[in-house]
Amino acid sequence: MSVATSVLVLPGLGNSGPQHWQTLWELRHPDWQRVNLGNWDSPACDDWVRALDVVVQACSSPPVLVAHSLACLLVAHWAHCSTFAPKCVFLVAVPDPQSASFPVTARGFAPVPMAPFAFRSLVVASANDSFGSLAHAKHCAIAWGSSFVDIGQAGHINADSGHGEWDEGYALLQQFRD
């Protein structure tokens, strides 16, 4: 089966609800595909890695990956073991699996691989993200060889922190892709 989708959306824990920017961006772009990673509430990293690899293999050309939160850690694990490379990766709100706020239901995401990616990537972070510090996000970006953007006091960059359509993020993605 060949998937013609050029953009794969990778939600984090809970699968990005109806008011989340990932969902709203998908509504703008019906050709974008949300990857079904399986168990959204008690994810196992290995299962998510396998699910992502299957979908990327099915793409007719290297896709753009748009990851939020836990899916950023998924991309790091996937990049470490996959032979496939996306066109580029947009990583938003990288969580810290060592933080007290990291969900106990997410298994196998630590330690986070800290090897450089073999593809272009951009990490977008907030100065007051309750799931991961700005320093952690910057550390990941440096280790992965990613570009880095600090968008200031933006919470976890999700619907709960007031980022519905998140037009600024969409503009960042478009600039980065080009």
N, C-alpha and C. Protein backbone atom coordinates (compact mmCIF):
# COMPACT_ATOMS: atom_id res chain seq x y z
N MET A 1 0.85 -1.19 0.00
CA MET A 1 0.00 0.00 0.00
C MET A 1 0.89 1.24 0.00
N SER A 2 0.64 2.15 -0.89
CA SER A 2 1.42 3.38 -0.97
C SER A 2 0.59 4.54 -0.40
N VAL A 3 1.21 5.28 0.49
CA VAL A 3 0.55 6.44 1.09
C VAL A 3 1.14 7.68 0.44
N ALA A 4 0.30 8.51 -0.18
CA ALA A 4 0.79 9.69 -0.90
C ALA A 4 0.96 10.90 0.01
N THR A 5 0.65 10.76 1.27
CA THR A 5 0.70 11.87 2.20
C THR A 5 2.11 12.41 2.35
N SER A 6 2.23 13.74 2.26
CA SER A 6 3.54 14.34 2.42
C SER A 6 3.78 14.81 3.86
N VAL A 7 2.71 14.91 4.66
CA VAL A 7 2.85 15.33 6.06
C VAL A 7 2.19 14.30 6.96
N LEU A 8 2.97 13.81 7.93
CA LEU A 8 2.45 12.88 8.92
C LEU A 8 2.38 13.60 10.27
N VAL A 9 1.21 13.58 10.88
CA VAL A 9 0.98 14.23 12.16
C VAL A 9 1.13 13.19 13.27
N LEU A 10 1.97 13.52 14.25
CA LEU A 10 2.28 12.61 15.35
C LEU A 10 1.86 13.26 16.67
N PRO A 11 0.66 12.96 17.16
CA PRO A 11 0.22 13.52 18.44
C PRO A 11 0.94 12.86 19.61
N GLY A 12 0.86 13.50 20.73
CA GLY A 12 1.42 12.93 21.94
C GLY A 12 0.37 12.17 22.72
N LEU A 13 0.60 12.04 24.00
CA LEU A 13 -0.30 11.34 24.90
C LEU A 13 -1.72 11.88 24.74
N GLY A 14 -2.70 11.01 24.61
CA GLY A 14 -4.09 11.43 24.53
C GLY A 14 -4.57 11.74 23.13
N ASN A 15 -3.66 11.78 22.13
CA ASN A 15 -4.05 11.94 20.72
C ASN A 15 -4.61 13.30 20.34
N SER A 16 -4.06 14.39 20.85
CA SER A 16 -4.41 15.75 20.42
C SER A 16 -5.90 15.92 20.09
N GLY A 17 -6.64 16.46 21.02
CA GLY A 17 -8.09 16.62 20.90
C GLY A 17 -8.55 17.56 19.81
N PRO A 18 -9.86 17.81 19.73
CA PRO A 18 -10.46 18.57 18.63
C PRO A 18 -10.02 20.04 18.55
N GLN A 19 -9.57 20.64 19.65
CA GLN A 19 -9.15 22.04 19.63
C GLN A 19 -7.63 22.20 19.58
N HIS A 20 -6.92 21.09 19.48
CA HIS A 20 -5.45 21.12 19.42
C HIS A 20 -5.01 21.59 18.04
N TRP A 21 -3.93 22.35 17.97
CA TRP A 21 -3.45 22.87 16.69
C TRP A 21 -3.18 21.77 15.67
N GLN A 22 -2.70 20.60 16.11
CA GLN A 22 -2.47 19.52 15.15
C GLN A 22 -3.77 19.12 14.45
N THR A 23 -4.82 18.99 15.22
CA THR A 23 -6.13 18.61 14.66
C THR A 23 -6.64 19.71 13.73
N LEU A 24 -6.50 20.95 14.15
CA LEU A 24 -6.99 22.07 13.35
C LEU A 24 -6.18 22.21 12.05
N TRP A 25 -4.89 21.95 12.12
CA TRP A 25 -4.07 21.99 10.90
C TRP A 25 -4.48 20.87 9.95
N GLU A 26 -4.80 19.71 10.50
CA GLU A 26 -5.26 18.60 9.65
C GLU A 26 -6.56 18.96 8.93
N LEU A 27 -7.42 19.69 9.61
CA LEU A 27 -8.68 20.12 8.98
C LEU A 27 -8.40 21.03 7.79
N ARG A 28 -7.36 21.86 7.90
CA ARG A 28 -6.96 22.73 6.78
C ARG A 28 -6.37 21.93 5.63
N HIS A 29 -5.78 20.80 5.96
CA HIS A 29 -5.05 20.00 4.97
C HIS A 29 -5.52 18.55 5.01
N PRO A 30 -6.60 18.23 4.31
CA PRO A 30 -7.13 16.86 4.35
C PRO A 30 -6.16 15.81 3.83
N ASP A 31 -5.12 16.23 3.12
CA ASP A 31 -4.13 15.28 2.62
C ASP A 31 -3.09 14.91 3.68
N TRP A 32 -3.06 15.64 4.80
CA TRP A 32 -2.16 15.28 5.88
C TRP A 32 -2.74 14.05 6.58
N GLN A 33 -1.88 13.23 7.14
CA GLN A 33 -2.34 12.00 7.78
C GLN A 33 -1.88 11.95 9.23
N ARG A 34 -2.83 11.75 10.13
CA ARG A 34 -2.49 11.49 11.53
C ARG A 34 -2.09 10.03 11.64
N VAL A 35 -0.95 9.78 12.22
CA VAL A 35 -0.48 8.41 12.37
C VAL A 35 -1.15 7.80 13.59
N ASN A 36 -1.79 6.66 13.39
CA ASN A 36 -2.40 5.94 14.50
C ASN A 36 -1.29 5.15 15.20
N LEU A 37 -0.86 5.66 16.33
CA LEU A 37 0.25 5.05 17.06
C LEU A 37 -0.21 3.93 17.99
N GLY A 38 -1.51 3.76 18.10
CA GLY A 38 -2.03 2.68 18.94
C GLY A 38 -2.57 3.21 20.25
N ASN A 39 -2.04 2.74 21.34
CA ASN A 39 -2.54 3.10 22.67
C ASN A 39 -2.14 4.54 23.00
N TRP A 40 -3.11 5.43 22.98
CA TRP A 40 -2.84 6.86 23.20
C TRP A 40 -2.71 7.22 24.68
N ASP A 41 -3.26 6.39 25.57
CA ASP A 41 -3.29 6.76 26.98
C ASP A 41 -2.24 6.05 27.84
N SER A 42 -1.79 4.88 27.41
CA SER A 42 -0.72 4.15 28.10
C SER A 42 0.26 3.63 27.07
N PRO A 43 0.96 4.54 26.38
CA PRO A 43 1.80 4.12 25.26
C PRO A 43 3.08 3.41 25.70
N ALA A 44 3.48 2.47 24.85
CA ALA A 44 4.79 1.81 24.99
C ALA A 44 5.63 2.30 23.82
N CYS A 45 6.79 2.83 24.11
CA CYS A 45 7.65 3.42 23.09
C CYS A 45 7.90 2.47 21.92
N ASP A 46 8.23 1.22 22.20
CA ASP A 46 8.54 0.27 21.13
C ASP A 46 7.35 0.09 20.18
N ASP A 47 6.15 0.06 20.72
CA ASP A 47 4.94 -0.08 19.88
C ASP A 47 4.78 1.15 18.98
N TRP A 48 4.99 2.33 19.56
CA TRP A 48 4.86 3.56 18.78
C TRP A 48 5.94 3.62 17.69
N VAL A 49 7.15 3.20 18.00
CA VAL A 49 8.24 3.21 17.02
C VAL A 49 7.87 2.30 15.84
N ARG A 50 7.38 1.10 16.13
CA ARG A 50 6.98 0.17 15.06
C ARG A 50 5.87 0.77 14.21
N ALA A 51 4.88 1.38 14.84
CA ALA A 51 3.75 1.97 14.10
C ALA A 51 4.24 3.09 13.18
N LEU A 52 5.12 3.94 13.68
CA LEU A 52 5.64 5.03 12.86
C LEU A 52 6.46 4.47 11.70
N ASP A 53 7.27 3.49 11.95
CA ASP A 53 8.12 2.94 10.89
C ASP A 53 7.28 2.35 9.76
N VAL A 54 6.21 1.66 10.09
CA VAL A 54 5.32 1.08 9.08
C VAL A 54 4.74 2.17 8.19
N VAL A 55 4.28 3.25 8.79
CA VAL A 55 3.66 4.32 8.01
C VAL A 55 4.69 5.05 7.15
N VAL A 56 5.87 5.34 7.71
CA VAL A 56 6.90 6.02 6.93
C VAL A 56 7.33 5.15 5.75
N GLN A 57 7.47 3.85 5.96
CA GLN A 57 7.83 2.93 4.87
C GLN A 57 6.80 2.96 3.75
N ALA A 58 5.54 3.17 4.10
CA ALA A 58 4.47 3.15 3.11
C ALA A 58 4.38 4.45 2.31
N CYS A 59 5.08 5.48 2.73
CA CYS A 59 5.04 6.76 2.02
C CYS A 59 5.79 6.65 0.69
N SER A 60 5.24 7.28 -0.33
CA SER A 60 5.86 7.23 -1.66
C SER A 60 7.10 8.12 -1.75
N SER A 61 7.24 9.07 -0.85
CA SER A 61 8.43 9.91 -0.77
C SER A 61 8.64 10.28 0.70
N PRO A 62 9.83 10.73 1.06
CA PRO A 62 10.08 11.06 2.47
C PRO A 62 9.08 12.12 2.97
N PRO A 63 8.38 11.82 4.06
CA PRO A 63 7.38 12.74 4.58
C PRO A 63 7.96 13.79 5.52
N VAL A 64 7.17 14.81 5.78
CA VAL A 64 7.43 15.77 6.84
C VAL A 64 6.72 15.23 8.08
N LEU A 65 7.40 15.17 9.22
CA LEU A 65 6.79 14.72 10.46
C LEU A 65 6.50 15.94 11.33
N VAL A 66 5.28 16.01 11.86
CA VAL A 66 4.88 17.11 12.74
C VAL A 66 4.52 16.48 14.09
N ALA A 67 5.45 16.59 15.04
CA ALA A 67 5.33 15.89 16.33
C ALA A 67 5.07 16.86 17.47
N HIS A 68 4.20 16.44 18.39
CA HIS A 68 3.95 17.21 19.61
C HIS A 68 4.23 16.35 20.83
N SER A 69 4.91 16.93 21.80
CA SER A 69 5.11 16.38 23.12
C SER A 69 5.73 14.98 23.08
N LEU A 70 5.04 13.98 23.60
CA LEU A 70 5.60 12.64 23.68
C LEU A 70 6.04 12.12 22.32
N ALA A 71 5.38 12.57 21.26
CA ALA A 71 5.77 12.14 19.91
C ALA A 71 7.16 12.66 19.52
N CYS A 72 7.64 13.72 20.18
CA CYS A 72 9.01 14.19 19.94
C CYS A 72 10.00 13.13 20.42
N LEU A 73 9.71 12.53 21.57
CA LEU A 73 10.58 11.46 22.08
C LEU A 73 10.47 10.23 21.19
N LEU A 74 9.26 9.96 20.68
CA LEU A 74 9.06 8.88 19.71
C LEU A 74 9.99 9.07 18.53
N VAL A 75 10.04 10.27 17.97
CA VAL A 75 10.88 10.54 16.80
C VAL A 75 12.35 10.27 17.14
N ALA A 76 12.79 10.66 18.32
CA ALA A 76 14.19 10.42 18.70
C ALA A 76 14.49 8.92 18.75
N HIS A 77 13.58 8.15 19.32
CA HIS A 77 13.78 6.70 19.40
C HIS A 77 13.71 6.07 18.01
N TRP A 78 12.75 6.50 17.20
CA TRP A 78 12.59 5.98 15.85
C TRP A 78 13.82 6.29 14.99
N ALA A 79 14.31 7.53 15.08
CA ALA A 79 15.48 7.94 14.29
C ALA A 79 16.71 7.11 14.65
N HIS A 80 16.78 6.70 15.91
CA HIS A 80 17.91 5.93 16.41
C HIS A 80 17.96 4.51 15.84
N CYS A 81 16.79 3.96 15.44
CA CYS A 81 16.77 2.55 15.01
C CYS A 81 16.23 2.34 13.60
N SER A 82 15.68 3.34 12.96
CA SER A 82 15.10 3.16 11.63
C SER A 82 16.11 3.44 10.53
N THR A 83 15.94 2.79 9.41
CA THR A 83 16.79 3.05 8.25
C THR A 83 16.15 4.06 7.32
N PHE A 84 14.94 4.50 7.65
CA PHE A 84 14.21 5.46 6.82
C PHE A 84 14.42 6.87 7.37
N ALA A 85 14.41 7.84 6.48
CA ALA A 85 14.58 9.23 6.90
C ALA A 85 13.44 10.07 6.33
N PRO A 86 12.85 10.91 7.17
CA PRO A 86 11.83 11.82 6.66
C PRO A 86 12.50 13.00 5.94
N LYS A 87 11.69 13.78 5.26
CA LYS A 87 12.21 15.00 4.62
C LYS A 87 12.72 15.96 5.71
N CYS A 88 11.91 16.15 6.73
CA CYS A 88 12.28 16.98 7.88
C CYS A 88 11.28 16.71 9.00
N VAL A 89 11.64 17.20 10.20
CA VAL A 89 10.79 16.97 11.37
C VAL A 89 10.61 18.26 12.15
N PHE A 90 9.35 18.54 12.50
CA PHE A 90 8.94 19.70 13.29
C PHE A 90 8.56 19.16 14.66
N LEU A 91 9.34 19.48 15.69
CA LEU A 91 9.19 18.92 17.03
C LEU A 91 8.75 20.02 18.01
N VAL A 92 7.58 19.86 18.58
CA VAL A 92 7.02 20.91 19.43
C VAL A 92 6.81 20.40 20.86
N ALA A 93 7.33 21.16 21.83
CA ALA A 93 7.12 20.89 23.26
C ALA A 93 7.72 19.54 23.68
N VAL A 94 9.03 19.43 23.57
CA VAL A 94 9.74 18.20 23.94
C VAL A 94 9.62 18.00 25.46
N PRO A 95 9.01 16.90 25.90
CA PRO A 95 8.90 16.67 27.34
C PRO A 95 10.18 16.04 27.90
N ASP A 96 10.34 16.15 29.20
CA ASP A 96 11.49 15.57 29.88
C ASP A 96 11.03 14.34 30.66
N PRO A 97 11.43 13.14 30.23
CA PRO A 97 10.96 11.94 30.92
C PRO A 97 11.48 11.82 32.36
N GLN A 98 12.45 12.66 32.73
CA GLN A 98 12.97 12.66 34.10
C GLN A 98 12.21 13.63 35.01
N SER A 99 11.30 14.42 34.44
CA SER A 99 10.59 15.40 35.25
C SER A 99 9.45 14.74 36.04
N ALA A 100 9.10 15.36 37.14
CA ALA A 100 8.03 14.83 37.99
C ALA A 100 6.68 14.85 37.28
N SER A 101 6.52 15.70 36.28
CA SER A 101 5.23 15.81 35.58
C SER A 101 5.11 14.84 34.41
N PHE A 102 6.17 14.08 34.11
CA PHE A 102 6.10 13.13 32.99
C PHE A 102 5.09 12.04 33.32
N PRO A 103 4.20 11.72 32.38
CA PRO A 103 3.14 10.74 32.68
C PRO A 103 3.69 9.34 32.99
N VAL A 104 3.25 8.80 34.10
CA VAL A 104 3.71 7.47 34.51
C VAL A 104 3.19 6.38 33.58
N THR A 105 2.15 6.68 32.81
CA THR A 105 1.57 5.69 31.89
C THR A 105 2.39 5.53 30.61
N ALA A 106 3.33 6.42 30.35
CA ALA A 106 4.16 6.33 29.16
C ALA A 106 5.40 5.50 29.49
N ARG A 107 5.56 4.36 28.82
CA ARG A 107 6.63 3.43 29.16
C ARG A 107 7.68 3.34 28.05
N GLY A 108 8.94 3.34 28.46
CA GLY A 108 10.03 3.06 27.54
C GLY A 108 10.58 4.27 26.78
N PHE A 109 10.17 5.47 27.15
CA PHE A 109 10.63 6.66 26.42
C PHE A 109 11.94 7.22 26.98
N ALA A 110 12.36 6.72 28.14
CA ALA A 110 13.64 7.12 28.72
C ALA A 110 14.56 5.91 28.73
N PRO A 111 15.85 6.10 28.54
CA PRO A 111 16.49 7.37 28.23
C PRO A 111 16.24 7.79 26.78
N VAL A 112 16.30 9.08 26.55
CA VAL A 112 16.07 9.63 25.22
C VAL A 112 17.38 9.55 24.43
N PRO A 113 17.34 8.95 23.22
CA PRO A 113 18.56 8.93 22.41
C PRO A 113 19.03 10.36 22.12
N MET A 114 20.32 10.57 22.30
CA MET A 114 20.89 11.90 22.11
C MET A 114 21.91 11.93 20.98
N ALA A 115 21.64 11.16 19.94
CA ALA A 115 22.51 11.14 18.76
C ALA A 115 21.94 12.08 17.70
N PRO A 116 22.80 12.67 16.89
CA PRO A 116 22.31 13.58 15.84
C PRO A 116 21.40 12.85 14.86
N PHE A 117 20.35 13.52 14.44
CA PHE A 117 19.44 12.99 13.43
C PHE A 117 20.12 13.05 12.06
N ALA A 118 19.72 12.16 11.17
CA ALA A 118 20.25 12.14 9.80
C ALA A 118 19.33 12.94 8.87
N PHE A 119 18.58 13.87 9.43
CA PHE A 119 17.62 14.69 8.67
C PHE A 119 17.46 16.02 9.37
N ARG A 120 16.92 16.99 8.62
CA ARG A 120 16.69 18.33 9.20
C ARG A 120 15.58 18.27 10.23
N SER A 121 15.75 19.04 11.30
CA SER A 121 14.73 19.08 12.34
C SER A 121 14.73 20.45 13.02
N LEU A 122 13.57 20.78 13.55
CA LEU A 122 13.38 22.04 14.27
C LEU A 122 12.66 21.74 15.57
N VAL A 123 13.23 22.16 16.69
CA VAL A 123 12.60 22.04 18.00
C VAL A 123 12.01 23.39 18.37
N VAL A 124 10.72 23.40 18.70
CA VAL A 124 10.02 24.60 19.15
C VAL A 124 9.69 24.39 20.62
N ALA A 125 10.10 25.33 21.47
CA ALA A 125 9.94 25.16 22.91
C ALA A 125 9.37 26.41 23.56
N SER A 126 8.83 26.19 24.75
CA SER A 126 8.23 27.25 25.55
C SER A 126 9.03 27.41 26.84
N ALA A 127 9.13 28.63 27.32
CA ALA A 127 9.88 28.92 28.54
C ALA A 127 9.17 28.42 29.80
N ASN A 128 7.88 28.12 29.71
CA ASN A 128 7.15 27.68 30.90
C ASN A 128 6.34 26.41 30.64
N ASP A 129 6.92 25.48 29.92
CA ASP A 129 6.27 24.19 29.64
C ASP A 129 6.37 23.32 30.89
N SER A 130 5.24 22.91 31.43
CA SER A 130 5.23 22.12 32.66
C SER A 130 5.74 20.69 32.45
N PHE A 131 5.87 20.24 31.21
CA PHE A 131 6.32 18.88 30.94
C PHE A 131 7.79 18.79 30.55
N GLY A 132 8.43 19.94 30.36
CA GLY A 132 9.84 19.93 30.01
C GLY A 132 10.39 21.34 30.00
N SER A 133 11.53 21.52 30.61
CA SER A 133 12.12 22.85 30.71
C SER A 133 12.69 23.31 29.37
N LEU A 134 12.88 24.61 29.26
CA LEU A 134 13.50 25.18 28.09
C LEU A 134 14.93 24.64 27.95
N ALA A 135 15.62 24.50 29.06
CA ALA A 135 16.98 23.96 29.04
C ALA A 135 17.00 22.53 28.49
N HIS A 136 16.03 21.73 28.89
CA HIS A 136 15.95 20.35 28.39
C HIS A 136 15.71 20.34 26.88
N ALA A 137 14.76 21.15 26.42
CA ALA A 137 14.45 21.21 24.99
C ALA A 137 15.68 21.66 24.19
N LYS A 138 16.39 22.65 24.73
CA LYS A 138 17.59 23.15 24.03
C LYS A 138 18.69 22.08 24.02
N HIS A 139 18.85 21.36 25.12
CA HIS A 139 19.82 20.27 25.20
C HIS A 139 19.50 19.21 24.13
N CYS A 140 18.23 18.84 24.00
CA CYS A 140 17.81 17.86 22.98
C CYS A 140 18.11 18.40 21.58
N ALA A 141 17.76 19.65 21.34
CA ALA A 141 17.98 20.25 20.02
C ALA A 141 19.46 20.20 19.64
N ILE A 142 20.32 20.55 20.58
CA ILE A 142 21.76 20.54 20.31
C ILE A 142 22.23 19.11 20.01
N ALA A 143 21.81 18.15 20.84
CA ALA A 143 22.22 16.76 20.66
C ALA A 143 21.72 16.19 19.33
N TRP A 144 20.51 16.55 18.95
CA TRP A 144 19.90 16.02 17.72
C TRP A 144 20.37 16.78 16.47
N GLY A 145 21.07 17.90 16.64
CA GLY A 145 21.48 18.72 15.51
C GLY A 145 20.32 19.52 14.94
N SER A 146 19.34 19.80 15.78
CA SER A 146 18.13 20.52 15.36
C SER A 146 18.30 22.02 15.47
N SER A 147 17.59 22.75 14.64
CA SER A 147 17.43 24.19 14.85
C SER A 147 16.53 24.34 16.07
N PHE A 148 16.57 25.52 16.70
CA PHE A 148 15.82 25.71 17.96
C PHE A 148 15.13 27.06 17.95
N VAL A 149 13.86 27.05 18.37
CA VAL A 149 13.10 28.29 18.51
C VAL A 149 12.43 28.31 19.88
N ASP A 150 12.70 29.36 20.64
CA ASP A 150 12.06 29.61 21.93
C ASP A 150 10.92 30.59 21.67
N ILE A 151 9.67 30.16 21.91
CA ILE A 151 8.53 31.04 21.64
C ILE A 151 8.02 31.76 22.90
N GLY A 152 8.84 31.76 23.94
CA GLY A 152 8.49 32.50 25.15
C GLY A 152 7.53 31.73 26.05
N GLN A 153 6.75 32.47 26.80
CA GLN A 153 5.82 31.90 27.78
C GLN A 153 4.59 31.34 27.05
N ALA A 154 4.64 30.07 26.68
CA ALA A 154 3.57 29.48 25.85
C ALA A 154 3.03 28.18 26.43
N GLY A 155 3.36 27.87 27.69
CA GLY A 155 2.85 26.64 28.29
C GLY A 155 3.32 25.42 27.51
N HIS A 156 2.45 24.43 27.43
CA HIS A 156 2.79 23.17 26.75
C HIS A 156 2.47 23.23 25.24
N ILE A 157 2.18 24.40 24.76
CA ILE A 157 1.91 24.64 23.33
C ILE A 157 0.82 23.68 22.85
N ASN A 158 -0.30 23.72 23.54
CA ASN A 158 -1.45 22.88 23.19
C ASN A 158 -2.73 23.67 23.41
N ALA A 159 -3.87 23.03 23.24
CA ALA A 159 -5.15 23.72 23.39
C ALA A 159 -5.32 24.27 24.82
N ASP A 160 -4.88 23.50 25.81
CA ASP A 160 -5.02 23.95 27.20
C ASP A 160 -4.23 25.22 27.49
N SER A 161 -3.18 25.47 26.74
CA SER A 161 -2.39 26.69 26.94
C SER A 161 -2.77 27.78 25.94
N GLY A 162 -3.92 27.62 25.29
CA GLY A 162 -4.45 28.67 24.42
C GLY A 162 -3.94 28.64 23.00
N HIS A 163 -3.39 27.54 22.58
CA HIS A 163 -2.85 27.44 21.22
C HIS A 163 -3.78 26.59 20.36
N GLY A 164 -4.90 27.17 19.98
CA GLY A 164 -5.83 26.49 19.09
C GLY A 164 -5.25 26.41 17.70
N GLU A 165 -5.58 27.36 16.86
CA GLU A 165 -5.06 27.37 15.48
C GLU A 165 -3.54 27.51 15.44
N TRP A 166 -2.95 28.19 16.39
CA TRP A 166 -1.52 28.45 16.52
C TRP A 166 -0.91 28.86 15.17
N ASP A 167 -1.36 29.99 14.68
CA ASP A 167 -0.91 30.50 13.38
C ASP A 167 0.60 30.76 13.35
N GLU A 168 1.17 31.20 14.47
CA GLU A 168 2.61 31.44 14.52
C GLU A 168 3.38 30.14 14.29
N GLY A 169 2.88 29.07 14.87
CA GLY A 169 3.51 27.76 14.69
C GLY A 169 3.39 27.28 13.26
N TYR A 170 2.22 27.51 12.67
CA TYR A 170 2.02 27.10 11.28
C TYR A 170 2.99 27.85 10.37
N ALA A 171 3.20 29.15 10.65
CA ALA A 171 4.15 29.93 9.87
C ALA A 171 5.57 29.40 10.05
N LEU A 172 5.92 29.01 11.29
CA LEU A 172 7.25 28.41 11.54
C LEU A 172 7.42 27.13 10.73
N LEU A 173 6.38 26.29 10.71
CA LEU A 173 6.45 25.04 9.95
C LEU A 173 6.64 25.33 8.47
N GLN A 174 5.89 26.27 7.93
CA GLN A 174 6.00 26.58 6.51
C GLN A 174 7.39 27.12 6.16
N GLN A 175 7.91 28.00 6.99
CA GLN A 175 9.27 28.53 6.77
C GLN A 175 10.30 27.42 6.82
N PHE A 176 10.15 26.54 7.79
CA PHE A 176 11.10 25.46 7.99
C PHE A 176 11.06 24.48 6.81
N ARG A 177 9.88 24.16 6.33
CA ARG A 177 9.74 23.22 5.20
C ARG A 177 10.36 23.78 3.93
N ASP A 178 10.30 25.07 3.75
CA ASP A 178 10.81 25.71 2.53
C ASP A 178 12.27 25.94 2.64
